[in-house]
């Protein structure tokens, strides 16, 4: 499974990218607003920091304007991935960019039927939102399972399932077991994946035992 970081915070991206475990970045208007600063400048800086796909979302909801915005964003860097909403106009724009070999991430997916349409439109990634479905009493993990199973039935579908709205490490491991291709994680959740009390306790014991030997490796 690939790991993307869901962030527009340059300091956070630099820190976590330094772990050597990040395959790409996703952003959205909310994250950009929190980060502050010029949108295109932020995307350009992220693209310099991270080699993988960097999702930059169009602001318009109308097809012609989406195309204009997407073309501007695609020129920022080769690894920009145009992020589009799962609407009729968004899927039309997805097909436009796919035909020009420009990466796309179709976002705000909440059903398997929507995911199929995104795949049909040639999306590089489709982003089903697990946590937001859980919030309204639906099973977000079941949606991932359905999409992965459906995509696996057709060898001509190359769209990758990008698990979004991840709320905890369980969402990551559960969707990895299902065969989802990518999970995009907020920095907080990414760091939680490292943590286990038995790891901390075990390390503390090893450190104390080594110190008791009075030895040094270097």
Protein backbone atom coordinates (compact mmCIF):
# COMPACT_ATOMS: atom_id res chain seq x y z
CA UNK A 1 0.00 0.00 0.00
CA UNK A 2 1.19 3.50 -0.82
CA UNK A 3 1.03 6.18 1.85
CA UNK A 4 0.16 9.77 0.96
CA UNK A 5 0.24 12.57 3.53
CA UNK A 6 -2.94 14.64 3.69
CA UNK A 7 -1.49 18.05 4.43
CA UNK A 8 -0.58 21.47 3.07
CA UNK A 9 1.59 22.35 6.07
CA UNK A 10 5.10 22.68 4.66
CA UNK A 11 6.80 22.08 8.01
CA UNK A 12 4.78 18.92 8.64
CA UNK A 13 5.39 17.65 5.11
CA UNK A 14 9.15 18.24 5.42
CA UNK A 15 9.28 16.41 8.75
CA UNK A 16 7.28 13.36 7.74
CA UNK A 17 8.70 13.14 4.22
CA UNK A 18 12.12 12.88 5.89
CA UNK A 19 11.06 9.48 7.30
CA UNK A 20 11.33 8.08 3.78
CA UNK A 21 7.86 6.51 3.91
CA UNK A 22 5.68 8.94 1.97
CA UNK A 23 4.68 8.25 -1.66
CA UNK A 24 2.70 11.43 -2.35
CA UNK A 25 0.64 14.30 -0.95
CA UNK A 26 -3.03 15.21 -1.03
CA UNK A 27 -4.34 18.69 -0.36
CA UNK A 28 -7.79 20.26 -0.39
CA UNK A 29 -9.19 23.79 -0.02
CA UNK A 30 -9.62 23.36 3.74
CA UNK A 31 -5.98 22.34 4.22
CA UNK A 32 -4.79 25.18 2.00
CA UNK A 33 -6.86 27.67 4.03
CA UNK A 34 -5.31 26.37 7.26
CA UNK A 35 -1.81 26.61 5.83
CA UNK A 36 -2.27 30.18 4.62
CA UNK A 37 -0.24 31.71 1.82
CA UNK A 38 -0.52 31.57 -1.96
CA UNK A 39 -2.08 28.32 -3.21
CA UNK A 40 0.09 27.87 -6.29
CA UNK A 41 3.25 28.73 -4.38
CA UNK A 42 2.42 26.14 -1.72
CA UNK A 43 1.81 23.45 -4.34
CA UNK A 44 5.07 24.33 -6.08
CA UNK A 45 7.02 24.01 -2.83
CA UNK A 46 5.38 20.68 -1.99
CA UNK A 47 6.19 19.34 -5.48
CA UNK A 48 9.84 20.20 -4.93
CA UNK A 49 9.86 18.39 -1.59
CA UNK A 50 8.01 15.22 -2.61
CA UNK A 51 8.71 13.18 -5.73
CA UNK A 52 5.31 11.44 -5.90
CA UNK A 53 1.90 12.77 -6.95
CA UNK A 54 0.74 16.00 -5.31
CA UNK A 55 -3.02 16.49 -5.51
CA UNK A 56 -4.04 20.09 -6.18
CA UNK A 57 -7.78 20.72 -6.27
CA UNK A 58 -9.62 22.97 -8.71
CA UNK A 59 -11.81 25.64 -7.13
CA UNK A 60 -14.52 25.78 -9.78
CA UNK A 61 -17.56 23.52 -10.07
CA UNK A 62 -18.13 24.25 -13.77
CA UNK A 63 -16.46 22.23 -16.52
CA UNK A 64 -14.87 24.95 -18.66
CA UNK A 65 -13.42 26.71 -15.65
CA UNK A 66 -12.17 23.41 -14.21
CA UNK A 67 -10.24 22.85 -17.43
CA UNK A 68 -8.67 26.30 -17.28
CA UNK A 69 -7.74 25.92 -13.61
CA UNK A 70 -6.46 22.38 -14.09
CA UNK A 71 -4.24 23.41 -16.97
CA UNK A 72 -2.71 26.15 -14.85
CA UNK A 73 -2.12 23.76 -11.95
CA UNK A 74 -0.65 21.06 -14.21
CA UNK A 75 2.04 23.46 -15.36
CA UNK A 76 3.35 24.03 -11.81
CA UNK A 77 5.25 20.73 -11.79
CA UNK A 78 5.28 17.36 -13.51
CA UNK A 79 4.03 15.58 -10.38
CA UNK A 80 0.89 17.69 -9.92
CA UNK A 81 -2.24 15.55 -9.85
CA UNK A 82 -5.42 17.47 -10.68
CA UNK A 83 -8.05 16.92 -8.00
CA UNK A 84 -11.65 17.05 -9.21
CA UNK A 85 -15.04 16.58 -7.53
CA UNK A 86 -17.14 13.54 -8.38
CA UNK A 87 -19.78 15.45 -10.31
CA UNK A 88 -20.78 15.33 -13.97
CA UNK A 89 -18.58 18.33 -14.72
CA UNK A 90 -15.78 16.86 -12.64
CA UNK A 91 -15.88 13.57 -14.52
CA UNK A 92 -15.97 15.36 -17.87
CA UNK A 93 -12.87 17.28 -16.79
CA UNK A 94 -11.30 14.02 -15.62
CA UNK A 95 -11.71 12.55 -19.10
CA UNK A 96 -10.22 15.70 -20.63
CA UNK A 97 -7.08 15.46 -18.49
CA UNK A 98 -6.83 11.67 -18.76
CA UNK A 99 -6.81 11.95 -22.54
CA UNK A 100 -3.83 14.30 -22.19
CA UNK A 101 -1.99 11.95 -19.81
CA UNK A 102 -2.34 14.32 -16.85
CA UNK A 103 -2.86 12.62 -13.48
CA UNK A 104 -6.22 13.08 -11.78
CA UNK A 105 -7.67 12.39 -8.35
CA UNK A 106 -11.47 12.25 -8.28
CA UNK A 107 -12.57 13.14 -4.78
CA UNK A 108 -15.70 13.06 -2.61
CA UNK A 109 -16.62 9.51 -3.60
CA UNK A 110 -19.31 7.93 -1.42
CA UNK A 111 -20.58 4.98 -3.47
CA UNK A 112 -19.25 2.15 -5.60
CA UNK A 113 -21.31 3.40 -8.53
CA UNK A 114 -19.53 6.76 -8.33
CA UNK A 115 -16.16 4.99 -8.20
CA UNK A 116 -17.02 3.06 -11.37
CA UNK A 117 -17.81 6.30 -13.16
CA UNK A 118 -14.49 7.77 -12.06
CA UNK A 119 -12.69 4.72 -13.42
CA UNK A 120 -14.64 5.01 -16.67
CA UNK A 121 -13.53 8.65 -16.91
CA UNK A 122 -9.90 7.53 -16.67
CA UNK A 123 -9.11 8.78 -13.17
CA UNK A 124 -5.64 7.98 -11.87
CA UNK A 125 -7.06 7.84 -8.35
CA UNK A 126 -10.54 7.79 -6.88
CA UNK A 127 -10.92 8.90 -3.27
CA UNK A 128 -13.70 7.21 -1.25
CA UNK A 129 -14.22 8.91 2.13
CA UNK A 130 -14.26 6.32 4.92
CA UNK A 131 -14.58 8.53 7.99
CA UNK A 132 -17.34 10.75 6.67
CA UNK A 133 -19.48 7.69 5.92
CA UNK A 134 -18.83 6.34 9.41
CA UNK A 135 -19.93 9.73 10.79
CA UNK A 136 -23.43 9.30 9.36
CA UNK A 137 -23.82 5.69 10.46
CA UNK A 138 -22.76 4.00 7.22
CA UNK A 139 -19.90 1.53 6.85
CA UNK A 140 -16.99 3.30 5.16
CA UNK A 141 -14.84 0.18 5.17
CA UNK A 142 -17.53 -1.77 3.33
CA UNK A 143 -17.42 0.82 0.57
CA UNK A 144 -13.68 0.28 0.11
CA UNK A 145 -14.21 -3.48 -0.03
CA UNK A 146 -16.89 -3.09 -2.72
CA UNK A 147 -14.80 -0.79 -4.89
CA UNK A 148 -11.66 -2.93 -4.66
CA UNK A 149 -13.65 -6.07 -5.53
CA UNK A 150 -15.38 -4.43 -8.49
CA UNK A 151 -12.16 -2.96 -9.90
CA UNK A 152 -10.45 -6.35 -9.61
CA UNK A 153 -13.09 -7.84 -11.91
CA UNK A 154 -11.89 -5.76 -14.87
CA UNK A 155 -8.31 -5.86 -16.10
CA UNK A 156 -8.78 -2.64 -18.07
CA UNK A 157 -9.46 -0.58 -14.92
CA UNK A 158 -6.22 1.08 -13.88
CA UNK A 159 -7.73 3.59 -11.43
CA UNK A 160 -6.23 3.25 -7.96
CA UNK A 161 -8.39 3.25 -4.83
CA UNK A 162 -7.15 6.06 -2.59
CA UNK A 163 -8.63 5.71 0.89
CA UNK A 164 -9.45 9.18 2.24
CA UNK A 165 -10.99 10.63 5.39
CA UNK A 166 -8.89 8.23 7.45
CA UNK A 167 -9.60 8.62 11.17
CA UNK A 168 -7.37 5.98 12.78
CA UNK A 169 -4.71 3.34 12.02
CA UNK A 170 -7.40 0.63 11.93
CA UNK A 171 -8.80 2.26 8.79
CA UNK A 172 -5.35 1.88 7.22
CA UNK A 173 -4.72 -1.77 8.10
CA UNK A 174 -8.29 -2.84 7.31
CA UNK A 175 -8.24 -1.26 3.84
CA UNK A 176 -4.74 -2.61 3.17
CA UNK A 177 -6.10 -6.11 3.84
CA UNK A 178 -8.81 -5.41 1.28
CA UNK A 179 -6.24 -4.46 -1.34
CA UNK A 180 -6.74 -0.70 -1.53
CA UNK A 181 -3.83 0.87 -3.39
CA UNK A 182 -3.28 4.07 -1.38
CA UNK A 183 -4.23 5.60 1.97
CA UNK A 184 -3.87 9.33 2.54
CA UNK A 185 -3.24 10.15 6.18
CA UNK A 186 -3.23 13.30 8.30
CA UNK A 187 0.11 13.71 10.05
CA UNK A 188 -1.41 12.81 13.42
CA UNK A 189 -2.71 9.45 12.14
CA UNK A 190 0.56 8.69 10.35
CA UNK A 191 2.48 9.13 13.60
CA UNK A 192 -0.04 6.98 15.50
CA UNK A 193 0.90 4.07 13.23
CA UNK A 194 4.36 3.98 14.82
CA UNK A 195 3.01 3.77 18.33
CA UNK A 196 2.41 0.73 20.55
CA UNK A 197 2.91 0.59 24.33
CA UNK A 198 4.68 -2.76 24.11
CA UNK A 199 7.21 -1.27 21.71
CA UNK A 200 7.89 1.57 24.16
CA UNK A 201 8.11 -0.76 27.14
CA UNK A 202 10.33 -3.24 25.31
CA UNK A 203 12.71 -0.53 24.14
CA UNK A 204 12.97 0.93 27.64
CA UNK A 205 13.93 -2.52 28.95
CA UNK A 206 16.53 -3.06 26.23
CA UNK A 207 18.08 0.37 26.86
CA UNK A 208 18.29 -0.25 30.61
CA UNK A 209 19.78 -3.72 30.15
CA UNK A 210 22.37 -2.45 27.69
CA UNK A 211 23.34 0.38 30.03
CA UNK A 212 23.88 -2.16 32.82
CA UNK A 213 26.59 -3.88 30.74
CA UNK A 214 28.71 -0.73 30.68
CA UNK A 215 29.58 -1.36 27.04
CA UNK A 216 29.60 0.92 23.98
CA UNK A 217 29.33 0.02 20.30
CA UNK A 218 31.23 3.13 19.19
